Amino acid sequence: MIITLNGTPHEIPAPVTLAALLETLGLAGRPVVVELNEVAVLPRDYSTTTVPADARLEVVTLAAGG
């Protein structure tokens, strides 16, 4: 299935949880902010949130520093 990830079309297996998708992207366990179809998803919900077909995802990695 095709989703839009940070403005770019991506093909992913269906169905997939947000946690599994983040793992595939190499972002599992990293501090990220995720918005699914313009709604923020809490980290505690990543493993129970299924990414639907035609989803629009924005994933922002957080970095500390000065």
N, C-alpha and C. Protein backbone atom coordinates (compact mmCIF):
# COMPACT_ATOMS: atom_id res chain seq x y z
N MET A 1 0.84 -1.17 0.00
CA MET A 1 0.00 0.00 0.00
C MET A 1 0.89 1.24 0.00
N ILE A 2 0.36 2.33 -0.46
CA ILE A 2 1.11 3.58 -0.57
C ILE A 2 0.66 4.54 0.53
N ILE A 3 1.64 5.15 1.21
CA ILE A 3 1.38 6.21 2.17
C ILE A 3 2.25 7.40 1.78
N THR A 4 1.97 8.55 2.37
CA THR A 4 2.81 9.72 2.18
C THR A 4 3.56 9.94 3.48
N LEU A 5 4.88 9.86 3.42
CA LEU A 5 5.74 10.01 4.59
C LEU A 5 6.59 11.25 4.41
N ASN A 6 6.37 12.25 5.26
CA ASN A 6 7.09 13.52 5.18
C ASN A 6 7.04 14.10 3.76
N GLY A 7 5.85 13.99 3.14
CA GLY A 7 5.63 14.59 1.83
C GLY A 7 6.04 13.75 0.65
N THR A 8 6.57 12.54 0.90
CA THR A 8 7.04 11.68 -0.18
C THR A 8 6.27 10.36 -0.18
N PRO A 9 5.79 9.90 -1.34
CA PRO A 9 5.09 8.61 -1.40
C PRO A 9 6.04 7.46 -1.04
N HIS A 10 5.55 6.53 -0.23
CA HIS A 10 6.30 5.33 0.15
C HIS A 10 5.38 4.13 0.09
N GLU A 11 5.92 3.02 -0.38
CA GLU A 11 5.17 1.78 -0.36
C GLU A 11 5.56 1.01 0.89
N ILE A 12 4.54 0.54 1.63
CA ILE A 12 4.78 -0.24 2.85
C ILE A 12 3.91 -1.48 2.81
N PRO A 13 4.26 -2.51 3.59
CA PRO A 13 3.41 -3.69 3.66
C PRO A 13 2.13 -3.35 4.42
N ALA A 14 1.08 -4.06 4.10
CA ALA A 14 -0.19 -3.81 4.80
C ALA A 14 -0.62 -5.08 5.51
N PRO A 15 -1.21 -5.04 6.64
CA PRO A 15 -1.28 -3.89 7.55
C PRO A 15 0.00 -3.79 8.37
N VAL A 16 0.26 -2.62 8.90
CA VAL A 16 1.45 -2.40 9.70
C VAL A 16 1.10 -1.42 10.82
N THR A 17 1.68 -1.67 11.99
CA THR A 17 1.48 -0.72 13.08
C THR A 17 2.50 0.40 12.94
N LEU A 18 2.21 1.46 13.61
CA LEU A 18 3.14 2.59 13.61
C LEU A 18 4.48 2.18 14.20
N ALA A 19 4.47 1.37 15.25
CA ALA A 19 5.71 0.89 15.86
C ALA A 19 6.54 0.08 14.87
N ALA A 20 5.89 -0.80 14.12
CA ALA A 20 6.60 -1.62 13.13
C ALA A 20 7.15 -0.75 12.00
N LEU A 21 6.41 0.25 11.59
CA LEU A 21 6.88 1.14 10.54
C LEU A 21 8.10 1.93 11.01
N LEU A 22 8.06 2.44 12.24
CA LEU A 22 9.21 3.17 12.78
C LEU A 22 10.43 2.26 12.87
N GLU A 23 10.22 0.99 13.20
CA GLU A 23 11.35 0.04 13.25
C GLU A 23 11.93 -0.16 11.85
N THR A 24 11.07 -0.30 10.86
CA THR A 24 11.51 -0.45 9.48
C THR A 24 12.32 0.76 9.02
N LEU A 25 11.93 1.94 9.49
CA LEU A 25 12.62 3.17 9.10
C LEU A 25 13.87 3.42 9.93
N GLY A 26 14.17 2.53 10.88
CA GLY A 26 15.35 2.69 11.72
C GLY A 26 15.16 3.72 12.83
N LEU A 27 13.90 3.99 13.18
CA LEU A 27 13.61 5.01 14.18
C LEU A 27 13.06 4.45 15.49
N ALA A 28 12.98 3.14 15.60
CA ALA A 28 12.45 2.53 16.83
C ALA A 28 13.33 2.91 18.01
N GLY A 29 12.70 3.34 19.09
CA GLY A 29 13.44 3.69 20.29
C GLY A 29 14.06 5.08 20.27
N ARG A 30 13.99 5.76 19.14
CA ARG A 30 14.55 7.12 19.05
C ARG A 30 13.45 8.13 19.37
N PRO A 31 13.83 9.28 19.89
CA PRO A 31 12.80 10.29 20.19
C PRO A 31 12.27 10.90 18.89
N VAL A 32 11.00 10.64 18.62
CA VAL A 32 10.36 11.17 17.43
C VAL A 32 8.98 11.72 17.80
N VAL A 33 8.50 12.61 16.97
CA VAL A 33 7.13 13.09 17.04
C VAL A 33 6.45 12.59 15.78
N VAL A 34 5.27 11.96 15.94
CA VAL A 34 4.57 11.40 14.80
C VAL A 34 3.18 12.02 14.69
N GLU A 35 2.86 12.43 13.48
CA GLU A 35 1.52 12.94 13.18
C GLU A 35 0.95 12.05 12.08
N LEU A 36 -0.22 11.49 12.35
CA LEU A 36 -0.90 10.61 11.40
C LEU A 36 -2.18 11.31 10.95
N ASN A 37 -2.24 11.63 9.68
CA ASN A 37 -3.39 12.35 9.12
C ASN A 37 -3.72 13.59 9.94
N GLU A 38 -2.67 14.36 10.24
CA GLU A 38 -2.76 15.64 10.93
C GLU A 38 -3.17 15.54 12.40
N VAL A 39 -3.03 14.35 13.00
CA VAL A 39 -3.32 14.15 14.41
C VAL A 39 -2.07 13.56 15.07
N ALA A 40 -1.61 14.20 16.15
CA ALA A 40 -0.43 13.69 16.86
C ALA A 40 -0.75 12.34 17.50
N VAL A 41 0.22 11.43 17.44
CA VAL A 41 0.08 10.11 18.05
C VAL A 41 1.07 10.03 19.21
N LEU A 42 0.57 9.64 20.37
CA LEU A 42 1.43 9.50 21.54
C LEU A 42 2.28 8.24 21.42
N PRO A 43 3.51 8.28 21.91
CA PRO A 43 4.39 7.10 21.83
C PRO A 43 3.76 5.83 22.41
N ARG A 44 2.98 5.97 23.46
CA ARG A 44 2.34 4.79 24.08
C ARG A 44 1.35 4.12 23.13
N ASP A 45 0.92 4.83 22.08
CA ASP A 45 -0.06 4.29 21.14
C ASP A 45 0.57 3.75 19.86
N TYR A 46 1.87 3.86 19.70
CA TYR A 46 2.53 3.41 18.47
C TYR A 46 2.25 1.94 18.17
N SER A 47 2.27 1.09 19.19
CA SER A 47 2.12 -0.35 18.96
C SER A 47 0.68 -0.76 18.67
N THR A 48 -0.28 0.10 18.95
CA THR A 48 -1.69 -0.24 18.70
C THR A 48 -2.31 0.58 17.58
N THR A 49 -1.55 1.49 16.99
CA THR A 49 -2.06 2.32 15.90
C THR A 49 -1.67 1.71 14.57
N THR A 50 -2.67 1.33 13.78
CA THR A 50 -2.44 0.77 12.45
C THR A 50 -2.41 1.89 11.43
N VAL A 51 -1.44 1.83 10.55
CA VAL A 51 -1.31 2.84 9.49
C VAL A 51 -2.23 2.45 8.34
N PRO A 52 -3.25 3.28 8.05
CA PRO A 52 -4.17 2.95 6.97
C PRO A 52 -3.61 3.29 5.59
N ALA A 53 -4.20 2.70 4.57
CA ALA A 53 -3.82 3.05 3.19
C ALA A 53 -4.07 4.53 2.97
N ASP A 54 -3.25 5.15 2.17
CA ASP A 54 -3.33 6.57 1.85
C ASP A 54 -3.09 7.48 3.06
N ALA A 55 -2.45 6.95 4.10
CA ALA A 55 -2.16 7.76 5.29
C ALA A 55 -1.15 8.84 4.95
N ARG A 56 -1.27 9.95 5.65
CA ARG A 56 -0.29 11.03 5.57
C ARG A 56 0.44 11.07 6.91
N LEU A 57 1.71 10.71 6.89
CA LEU A 57 2.52 10.67 8.10
C LEU A 57 3.59 11.74 8.05
N GLU A 58 3.77 12.39 9.17
CA GLU A 58 4.89 13.30 9.37
C GLU A 58 5.66 12.75 10.55
N VAL A 59 6.93 12.47 10.37
CA VAL A 59 7.79 11.95 11.44
C VAL A 59 8.96 12.90 11.58
N VAL A 60 9.10 13.44 12.77
CA VAL A 60 10.17 14.40 13.05
C VAL A 60 11.05 13.82 14.14
N THR A 61 12.34 13.71 13.88
CA THR A 61 13.26 13.24 14.91
C THR A 61 13.68 14.41 15.77
N LEU A 62 13.86 14.13 17.06
CA LEU A 62 14.26 15.15 18.00
C LEU A 62 15.75 15.01 18.31
N ALA A 63 16.42 16.13 18.40
CA ALA A 63 17.84 16.11 18.72
C ALA A 63 18.13 17.19 19.74
N ALA A 64 18.96 16.87 20.70
CA ALA A 64 19.37 17.84 21.70
C ALA A 64 20.74 18.37 21.34
N GLY A 65 21.01 19.52 21.79
CA GLY A 65 22.33 20.09 21.51
C GLY A 65 22.30 21.59 21.66
N GLY A 66 23.41 22.18 21.39
CA GLY A 66 23.46 23.61 21.59
C GLY A 66 23.98 24.36 20.41
